[in-house]
């Protein structure tokens, strides 16, 4: 039996190989191959002449690829939908069962044909970006509430008949519950190698400079503009001995740097751009606090990586935050004043930083690669067993 995967990502093709800088490279799909005979990856593709820094290959023995038309941005995706819709029809027969990451436009298109041909599928809920109207507004999408409603409606349709559901966080299942009482698994994709866990840290000096780290694309979802504004307010409150290091690049980098210049913060803000994953942890080890100011998330992998290095974390109340952080370490999204107050409250208190470090490390141990890999394999085994049992009943 083989399985098809639709994650909604864009892979990069160089020659006959496909590459990605995400975790969804060949190493992650090996889990599928422990359960299924073959994995068919059906994704959008961008052609390139050379491999970009940090990218890993996707194809190994047992994995093959089915390309879909590429598109960029929300409106670009809409223009590509008609062509994609018919291309998806060709793909559905390539696998005995499909595993759809949702929400994304490819999986929505595929769902129709899976229902039409009565091909079984499972779902993986990965985030609420497409159904989060605040996120859509920041992306410049018109009629954000209407768009969010329509996409949520599509997800509810998808949740009508999956054989099983995996979700990176419990809150996503509560948003759109399966209507057929199928098995549900809560499985993060953080996958932290055991050797990357740090020992807990201790802070003593309340006047030392504090290094704050943000990680991820500098884009609307991460609200970098709000970070700069909050840090300016932190200065106004009297705490000036800080530095921000941002790991990642993105479309709002220039605007973020420009705002820092206008507010006189340039000498305390460093936008590092792309940082190879293997170098990320050395930078986290020099920091005093990890900050996530997102307006939308699933269960943030970057938070869990920081927690594994025993780093205190301040986050917005987005995604599955309640599964890993206490109330006293979070603020509502898009509230710069509240974020500045929280940063002041935490950074001035060495004992609190020490307590946060110890607690975060213990929480992160639940998200080790070994633990999550075993959960995902168990999920795939259940999907295969359900499909095989259904097929046997039909044949008899």
Protein backbone atom coordinates (compact mmCIF):
# COMPACT_ATOMS: atom_id res chain seq x y z
CA UNK A 1 0.00 0.00 0.00
CA UNK A 2 1.24 3.52 -0.78
CA UNK A 3 0.34 6.92 0.65
CA UNK A 4 0.14 10.34 -0.98
CA UNK A 5 1.11 13.49 0.93
CA UNK A 6 -0.05 17.06 0.28
CA UNK A 7 1.55 19.62 2.61
CA UNK A 8 0.91 22.83 0.68
CA UNK A 9 4.62 23.65 0.60
CA UNK A 10 6.56 24.73 -2.46
CA UNK A 11 9.52 22.52 -3.20
CA UNK A 12 12.48 23.67 -5.29
CA UNK A 13 13.57 21.56 -8.23
CA UNK A 14 17.19 21.51 -9.37
CA UNK A 15 17.78 18.97 -12.13
CA UNK A 16 16.00 15.75 -11.21
CA UNK A 17 16.01 16.33 -7.43
CA UNK A 18 13.67 18.36 -5.24
CA UNK A 19 14.84 20.40 -2.25
CA UNK A 20 13.40 22.22 0.75
CA UNK A 21 14.72 24.28 3.65
CA UNK A 22 11.80 23.08 5.78
CA UNK A 23 11.77 19.98 7.96
CA UNK A 24 9.70 18.19 5.30
CA UNK A 25 12.72 16.72 3.54
CA UNK A 26 13.55 13.06 2.93
CA UNK A 27 14.42 12.45 6.60
CA UNK A 28 10.87 13.24 7.79
CA UNK A 29 9.17 11.16 5.10
CA UNK A 30 11.20 8.11 6.15
CA UNK A 31 8.58 7.68 8.88
CA UNK A 32 5.99 6.99 6.18
CA UNK A 33 8.26 4.42 4.57
CA UNK A 34 8.37 2.46 7.81
CA UNK A 35 4.63 1.87 7.39
CA UNK A 36 3.87 2.26 3.67
CA UNK A 37 5.59 0.78 0.63
CA UNK A 38 5.80 4.10 -1.23
CA UNK A 39 5.26 7.81 -0.59
CA UNK A 40 3.90 10.09 -3.33
CA UNK A 41 4.54 13.80 -2.67
CA UNK A 42 2.12 16.07 -4.53
CA UNK A 43 3.22 19.70 -4.28
CA UNK A 44 3.80 22.97 -6.06
CA UNK A 45 7.29 23.35 -7.50
CA UNK A 46 9.65 26.26 -8.19
CA UNK A 47 12.47 25.55 -10.68
CA UNK A 48 15.95 26.78 -9.75
CA UNK A 49 19.42 26.54 -11.20
CA UNK A 50 21.21 25.73 -7.95
CA UNK A 51 20.50 24.54 -4.43
CA UNK A 52 19.99 27.33 -1.89
CA UNK A 53 21.82 27.37 1.48
CA UNK A 54 20.27 25.13 4.08
CA UNK A 55 18.16 23.10 1.65
CA UNK A 56 18.00 19.29 1.85
CA UNK A 57 16.96 16.74 -0.78
CA UNK A 58 13.46 15.24 -0.82
CA UNK A 59 13.74 12.20 -3.07
CA UNK A 60 15.14 8.89 -1.88
CA UNK A 61 14.19 5.30 -2.74
CA UNK A 62 10.49 4.85 -2.10
CA UNK A 63 9.56 8.52 -2.60
CA UNK A 64 8.32 9.99 -5.88
CA UNK A 65 6.96 13.38 -6.83
CA UNK A 66 3.87 14.76 -8.57
CA UNK A 67 4.14 18.44 -9.53
CA UNK A 68 1.35 21.00 -9.35
CA UNK A 69 1.25 24.48 -10.92
CA UNK A 70 3.01 27.03 -8.76
CA UNK A 71 1.51 30.28 -7.50
CA UNK A 72 2.52 33.06 -5.11
CA UNK A 73 0.27 34.97 -2.76
CA UNK A 74 -3.42 34.63 -2.07
CA UNK A 75 -4.64 36.14 -5.34
CA UNK A 76 -2.04 34.23 -7.33
CA UNK A 77 -3.35 31.03 -5.77
CA UNK A 78 -6.89 31.91 -6.82
CA UNK A 79 -5.76 32.42 -10.42
CA UNK A 80 -4.03 29.04 -10.39
CA UNK A 81 -6.96 27.18 -8.83
CA UNK A 82 -8.77 26.17 -12.06
CA UNK A 83 -5.61 24.64 -13.53
CA UNK A 84 -4.64 23.07 -10.22
CA UNK A 85 -8.13 21.61 -9.82
CA UNK A 86 -7.77 19.55 -13.00
CA UNK A 87 -4.16 18.61 -12.31
CA UNK A 88 -5.20 17.25 -8.91
CA UNK A 89 -7.65 14.93 -10.64
CA UNK A 90 -4.66 13.19 -12.27
CA UNK A 91 -2.90 12.84 -8.94
CA UNK A 92 -5.60 11.26 -6.79
CA UNK A 93 -5.23 7.84 -8.41
CA UNK A 94 -1.50 7.76 -7.64
CA UNK A 95 -2.03 6.59 -4.05
CA UNK A 96 -4.21 4.14 -2.09
CA UNK A 97 -4.76 6.71 0.68
CA UNK A 98 -3.96 10.42 0.91
CA UNK A 99 -2.72 12.44 3.87
CA UNK A 100 -3.70 16.10 3.48
CA UNK A 101 -2.11 18.91 5.46
CA UNK A 102 -4.73 21.60 5.86
CA UNK A 103 -5.59 24.40 5.41
CA UNK A 104 -4.00 24.92 2.01
CA UNK A 105 -5.38 25.39 -1.47
CA UNK A 106 -3.94 22.15 -2.89
CA UNK A 107 -5.58 19.95 -0.28
CA UNK A 108 -8.91 21.77 -0.73
CA UNK A 109 -8.79 21.08 -4.49
CA UNK A 110 -7.85 17.47 -3.89
CA UNK A 111 -10.63 16.87 -1.38
CA UNK A 112 -13.30 17.16 -4.07
CA UNK A 113 -11.76 14.42 -6.21
CA UNK A 114 -11.12 12.18 -3.22
CA UNK A 115 -14.82 12.38 -2.37
CA UNK A 116 -15.81 11.92 -6.05
CA UNK A 117 -13.70 8.76 -6.48
CA UNK A 118 -14.26 7.58 -2.88
CA UNK A 119 -10.55 7.42 -2.12
CA UNK A 120 -9.76 7.39 1.63
CA UNK A 121 -7.81 10.22 3.21
CA UNK A 122 -6.49 11.39 6.55
CA UNK A 123 -5.93 15.00 7.64
CA UNK A 124 -3.19 16.89 9.43
CA UNK A 125 -4.18 20.21 11.01
CA UNK A 126 -1.12 22.45 11.02
CA UNK A 127 -2.22 26.03 11.73
CA UNK A 128 -4.97 28.61 11.65
CA UNK A 129 -3.39 31.19 9.32
CA UNK A 130 -5.95 30.87 6.53
CA UNK A 131 -8.89 31.06 8.94
CA UNK A 132 -7.44 33.86 11.08
CA UNK A 133 -8.95 37.13 9.86
CA UNK A 134 -6.35 39.26 11.69
CA UNK A 135 -3.58 37.44 9.86
CA UNK A 136 -5.36 37.83 6.52
CA UNK A 137 -5.81 41.57 7.14
CA UNK A 138 -2.10 41.98 7.81
CA UNK A 139 -1.43 40.15 4.54
CA UNK A 140 -3.58 42.72 2.73
CA UNK A 141 -6.34 40.25 1.85
CA UNK A 142 -9.64 41.98 1.12
CA UNK A 143 -12.79 40.84 2.90
CA UNK A 144 -10.64 38.96 5.41
CA UNK A 145 -13.56 37.79 7.57
CA UNK A 146 -15.41 36.43 4.54
CA UNK A 147 -12.31 34.64 3.23
CA UNK A 148 -11.63 33.14 6.66
CA UNK A 149 -15.24 31.95 6.87
CA UNK A 150 -15.10 30.32 3.43
CA UNK A 151 -11.84 28.50 4.13
CA UNK A 152 -13.09 27.34 7.53
CA UNK A 153 -16.17 26.00 5.75
CA UNK A 154 -13.94 24.00 3.39
CA UNK A 155 -12.05 22.58 6.37
CA UNK A 156 -15.31 21.53 7.99
CA UNK A 157 -16.19 19.69 4.80
CA UNK A 158 -12.78 18.00 4.86
CA UNK A 159 -13.44 17.01 8.47
CA UNK A 160 -16.64 15.21 7.45
CA UNK A 161 -15.06 11.88 6.50
CA UNK A 162 -11.33 11.44 7.20
CA UNK A 163 -10.17 8.00 8.35
CA UNK A 164 -8.02 9.68 11.04
CA UNK A 165 -6.82 13.15 12.04
CA UNK A 166 -3.43 14.34 13.29
CA UNK A 167 -3.09 17.85 14.69
CA UNK A 168 -0.03 19.80 15.80
CA UNK A 169 -2.10 21.28 18.64
CA UNK A 170 -5.32 20.45 20.44
CA UNK A 171 -6.94 23.84 19.81
CA UNK A 172 -7.10 23.15 16.07
CA UNK A 173 -9.22 20.05 16.61
CA UNK A 174 -11.53 22.03 18.87
CA UNK A 175 -11.95 24.66 16.12
CA UNK A 176 -13.09 22.12 13.52
CA UNK A 177 -14.04 18.82 15.09
CA UNK A 178 -14.25 15.65 12.95
CA UNK A 179 -17.87 14.87 12.16
CA UNK A 180 -17.41 11.10 11.81
CA UNK A 181 -15.82 10.41 15.23
CA UNK A 182 -12.60 9.20 13.62
CA UNK A 183 -9.42 8.73 15.71
CA UNK A 184 -7.61 11.98 16.59
CA UNK A 185 -3.89 12.25 17.41
CA UNK A 186 -2.13 15.34 18.81
CA UNK A 187 1.39 15.29 17.35
CA UNK A 188 3.70 18.29 17.08
CA UNK A 189 6.24 18.50 14.26
CA UNK A 190 8.91 20.13 16.43
CA UNK A 191 11.16 17.02 16.46
CA UNK A 192 13.96 18.19 18.79
CA UNK A 193 16.99 15.84 18.74
CA UNK A 194 17.92 14.64 22.24
CA UNK A 195 21.46 16.01 21.99
CA UNK A 196 20.13 19.56 21.56
CA UNK A 197 18.55 19.80 25.01
CA UNK A 198 20.38 22.24 27.29
CA UNK A 199 20.63 22.42 31.06
CA UNK A 200 18.55 25.01 32.90
CA UNK A 201 20.04 28.48 33.34
CA UNK A 202 20.35 30.96 36.17
CA UNK A 203 20.19 34.77 36.12
CA UNK A 204 21.46 36.95 38.97
CA UNK A 205 22.22 40.47 37.71
CA UNK A 206 19.10 42.60 37.18
CA UNK A 207 21.01 45.35 35.36
CA UNK A 208 22.89 43.25 32.79
CA UNK A 209 22.11 43.65 29.11
CA UNK A 210 19.36 41.32 27.95
CA UNK A 211 19.53 39.75 24.49
CA UNK A 212 16.13 39.05 22.95
CA UNK A 213 15.84 36.61 20.03
CA UNK A 214 13.05 36.35 17.45
CA UNK A 215 13.09 33.60 14.82
CA UNK A 216 11.15 33.13 11.59
CA UNK A 217 10.31 34.94 8.40
CA UNK A 218 10.04 38.70 8.75
CA UNK A 219 6.47 38.82 7.50
CA UNK A 220 2.98 39.79 8.59
CA UNK A 221 2.36 36.58 10.53
CA UNK A 222 5.26 37.30 12.91
CA UNK A 223 4.31 41.00 13.28
CA UNK A 224 7.89 42.37 13.33
CA UNK A 225 6.61 45.95 13.23
CA UNK A 226 4.83 45.32 16.51
CA UNK A 227 8.06 43.99 18.02
CA UNK A 228 9.93 47.20 17.16
CA UNK A 229 7.15 49.37 18.53
CA UNK A 230 7.04 47.38 21.78
CA UNK A 231 10.80 47.67 22.20
CA UNK A 232 10.59 51.43 21.69
CA UNK A 233 8.00 51.53 24.49
CA UNK A 234 10.30 49.37 26.62
CA UNK A 235 12.93 52.10 26.22
CA UNK A 236 10.37 54.69 27.28
CA UNK A 237 9.61 52.69 30.41
CA UNK A 238 13.26 53.04 31.44
CA UNK A 239 14.68 49.64 30.47
CA UNK A 240 17.20 50.48 27.75
CA UNK A 241 19.85 47.80 28.18
CA UNK A 242 18.63 45.30 25.60
CA UNK A 243 19.47 43.99 22.13
CA UNK A 244 17.21 42.29 19.58
CA UNK A 245 18.55 39.58 17.26
CA UNK A 246 16.17 38.37 14.53
CA UNK A 247 16.96 35.09 12.77
CA UNK A 248 15.32 34.95 9.36
CA UNK A 249 14.51 37.04 6.32
CA UNK A 250 11.32 38.09 4.61
CA UNK A 251 9.27 40.70 2.77
CA UNK A 252 9.00 43.09 5.77
CA UNK A 253 12.72 43.23 6.49
CA UNK A 254 13.25 46.64 4.89
CA UNK A 255 10.18 48.14 6.55
CA UNK A 256 11.24 46.72 9.92
CA UNK A 257 14.74 48.14 9.59
CA UNK A 258 13.35 51.50 8.48
CA UNK A 259 11.10 51.74 11.55
CA UNK A 260 14.04 50.86 13.81
CA UNK A 261 16.03 53.66 12.17
CA UNK A 262 13.20 56.17 12.64
CA UNK A 263 12.85 55.27 16.33
CA UNK A 264 16.59 55.46 16.95
CA UNK A 265 16.93 51.76 17.74
CA UNK A 266 19.23 50.68 14.91
CA UNK A 267 22.25 50.19 17.17
CA UNK A 268 20.26 47.70 19.30
CA UNK A 269 18.62 45.67 16.53
CA UNK A 270 20.36 43.07 14.36
CA UNK A 271 18.51 41.38 11.51
CA UNK A 272 20.74 38.40 10.72
CA UNK A 273 18.82 37.04 7.73
CA UNK A 274 18.91 33.32 6.96
CA UNK A 275 20.70 31.26 9.61
CA UNK A 276 21.36 27.53 9.00
CA UNK A 277 19.39 25.37 11.42
CA UNK A 278 22.54 23.83 12.85
CA UNK A 279 23.76 27.31 13.88
CA UNK A 280 20.47 28.36 15.44
CA UNK A 281 21.11 26.79 18.82
CA UNK A 282 24.47 28.49 19.36
CA UNK A 283 22.71 31.84 18.94
CA UNK A 284 19.89 30.83 21.31
CA UNK A 285 22.52 29.99 23.91
CA UNK A 286 23.71 33.61 23.94
CA UNK A 287 20.19 34.97 24.51
CA UNK A 288 18.21 35.82 27.64
CA UNK A 289 14.71 35.65 26.17
CA UNK A 290 12.91 34.25 23.13
CA UNK A 291 10.06 36.41 21.82
CA UNK A 292 7.20 35.30 19.55
CA UNK A 293 4.88 38.15 18.53
CA UNK A 294 2.81 36.23 15.96
CA UNK A 295 -0.82 36.88 15.08
CA UNK A 296 -1.27 33.25 14.02
CA UNK A 297 0.48 29.91 14.67
CA UNK A 298 -0.12 26.20 15.00
CA UNK A 299 2.20 25.03 17.76
CA UNK A 300 5.34 27.09 17.29
CA UNK A 301 8.40 24.99 16.56
CA UNK A 302 10.66 27.98 17.21
CA UNK A 303 9.28 28.31 20.76
CA UNK A 304 9.88 24.64 21.48
CA UNK A 305 13.44 24.85 20.15
CA UNK A 306 14.09 27.82 22.42
CA UNK A 307 12.55 25.98 25.38
CA UNK A 308 14.79 22.98 24.67
CA UNK A 309 17.76 25.31 25.17
CA UNK A 310 16.22 26.31 28.53
CA UNK A 311 15.44 29.80 27.28
CA UNK A 312 12.67 31.90 28.84
CA UNK A 313 9.86 32.66 26.37
CA UNK A 314 7.33 35.46 25.99
CA UNK A 315 4.63 34.80 23.39
CA UNK A 316 1.31 36.04 22.11
CA UNK A 317 -1.82 34.00 22.84
CA UNK A 318 -1.93 32.34 19.44
CA UNK A 319 -2.11 28.74 18.31
CA UNK A 320 -1.42 26.06 20.90
CA UNK A 321 0.31 28.37 23.38
CA UNK A 322 -1.80 27.09 26.29
CA UNK A 323 -0.33 23.60 25.80
CA UNK A 324 3.23 24.77 26.51
CA UNK A 325 3.19 28.15 28.31
CA UNK A 326 1.52 29.58 31.46
CA UNK A 327 -0.71 32.66 31.45
CA UNK A 328 1.92 34.86 33.07
CA UNK A 329 4.27 34.51 30.08
CA UNK A 330 1.86 35.54 27.30
CA UNK A 331 0.04 38.61 25.97
CA UNK A 332 -2.73 39.14 23.45
CA UNK A 333 -1.53 39.65 19.85
CA UNK A 334 -1.26 43.14 18.33
CA UNK A 335 -1.07 44.91 21.70
CA UNK A 336 2.29 46.70 21.69
CA UNK A 337 1.74 48.33 25.09
CA UNK A 338 0.95 45.01 26.77
CA UNK A 339 3.98 43.39 25.13
CA UNK A 340 6.26 46.21 26.36
CA UNK A 341 4.85 45.80 29.89
CA UNK A 342 5.44 42.04 29.78
CA UNK A 343 9.01 42.42 28.54
CA UNK A 344 9.76 44.95 31.28
CA UNK A 345 8.20 42.68 33.90
CA UNK A 346 10.26 39.64 32.81
CA UNK A 347 13.61 41.13 31.84
CA UNK A 348 13.99 43.04 35.11
CA UNK A 349 13.47 39.92 37.22
CA UNK A 350 16.43 37.45 37.34
CA UNK A 351 14.55 35.01 39.59
CA UNK A 352 11.66 34.88 37.17
CA UNK A 353 13.96 34.26 34.20
CA UNK A 354 15.57 31.40 36.13
CA UNK A 355 12.17 29.88 36.95
CA UNK A 356 11.02 30.19 33.33
CA UNK A 357 14.19 28.48 32.11
CA UNK A 358 13.71 25.46 34.38
CA UNK A 359 10.01 25.06 33.58
CA UNK A 360 10.44 25.49 29.80
CA UNK A 361 13.15 22.84 29.63
CA UNK A 362 10.92 20.27 31.33
CA UNK A 363 8.03 21.07 28.99
CA UNK A 364 10.22 20.78 25.89
CA UNK A 365 11.25 17.24 26.79
CA UNK A 366 7.77 16.11 25.74
CA UNK A 367 8.62 17.14 22.17
CA UNK A 368 11.79 15.17 21.56
CA UNK A 369 12.33 13.64 18.13
CA UNK A 370 12.09 10.12 19.56
CA UNK A 371 8.77 10.74 21.31
CA UNK A 372 7.12 12.49 18.35
CA UNK A 373 8.50 10.09 15.76
CA UNK A 374 6.93 7.15 17.62
CA UNK A 375 3.59 8.99 17.77
CA UNK A 376 3.63 9.76 14.04
CA UNK A 377 4.49 6.18 13.09
CA UNK A 378 1.63 4.96 15.28
CA UNK A 379 -0.68 7.38 13.46
CA UNK A 380 0.40 6.11 10.02
CA UNK A 381 -0.01 2.51 11.20
CA UNK A 382 -3.56 3.25 12.28
CA UNK A 383 -4.35 4.92 8.94
CA UNK A 384 -3.02 1.91 7.04
CA UNK A 385 -4.93 -0.53 9.22
CA UNK A 386 -8.23 1.35 8.82
CA UNK A 387 -7.83 1.56 5.02
CA UNK A 388 -6.81 -2.09 4.73
CA UNK A 389 -9.76 -3.21 6.88
CA UNK A 390 -12.18 -1.10 4.83
CA UNK A 391 -10.83 -2.54 1.57
CA UNK A 392 -11.10 -6.07 2.88
CA UNK A 393 -14.74 -5.54 3.85
CA UNK A 394 -15.53 -4.16 0.38
CA UNK A 395 -13.80 -7.08 -1.35
CA UNK A 396 -15.70 -9.61 0.74
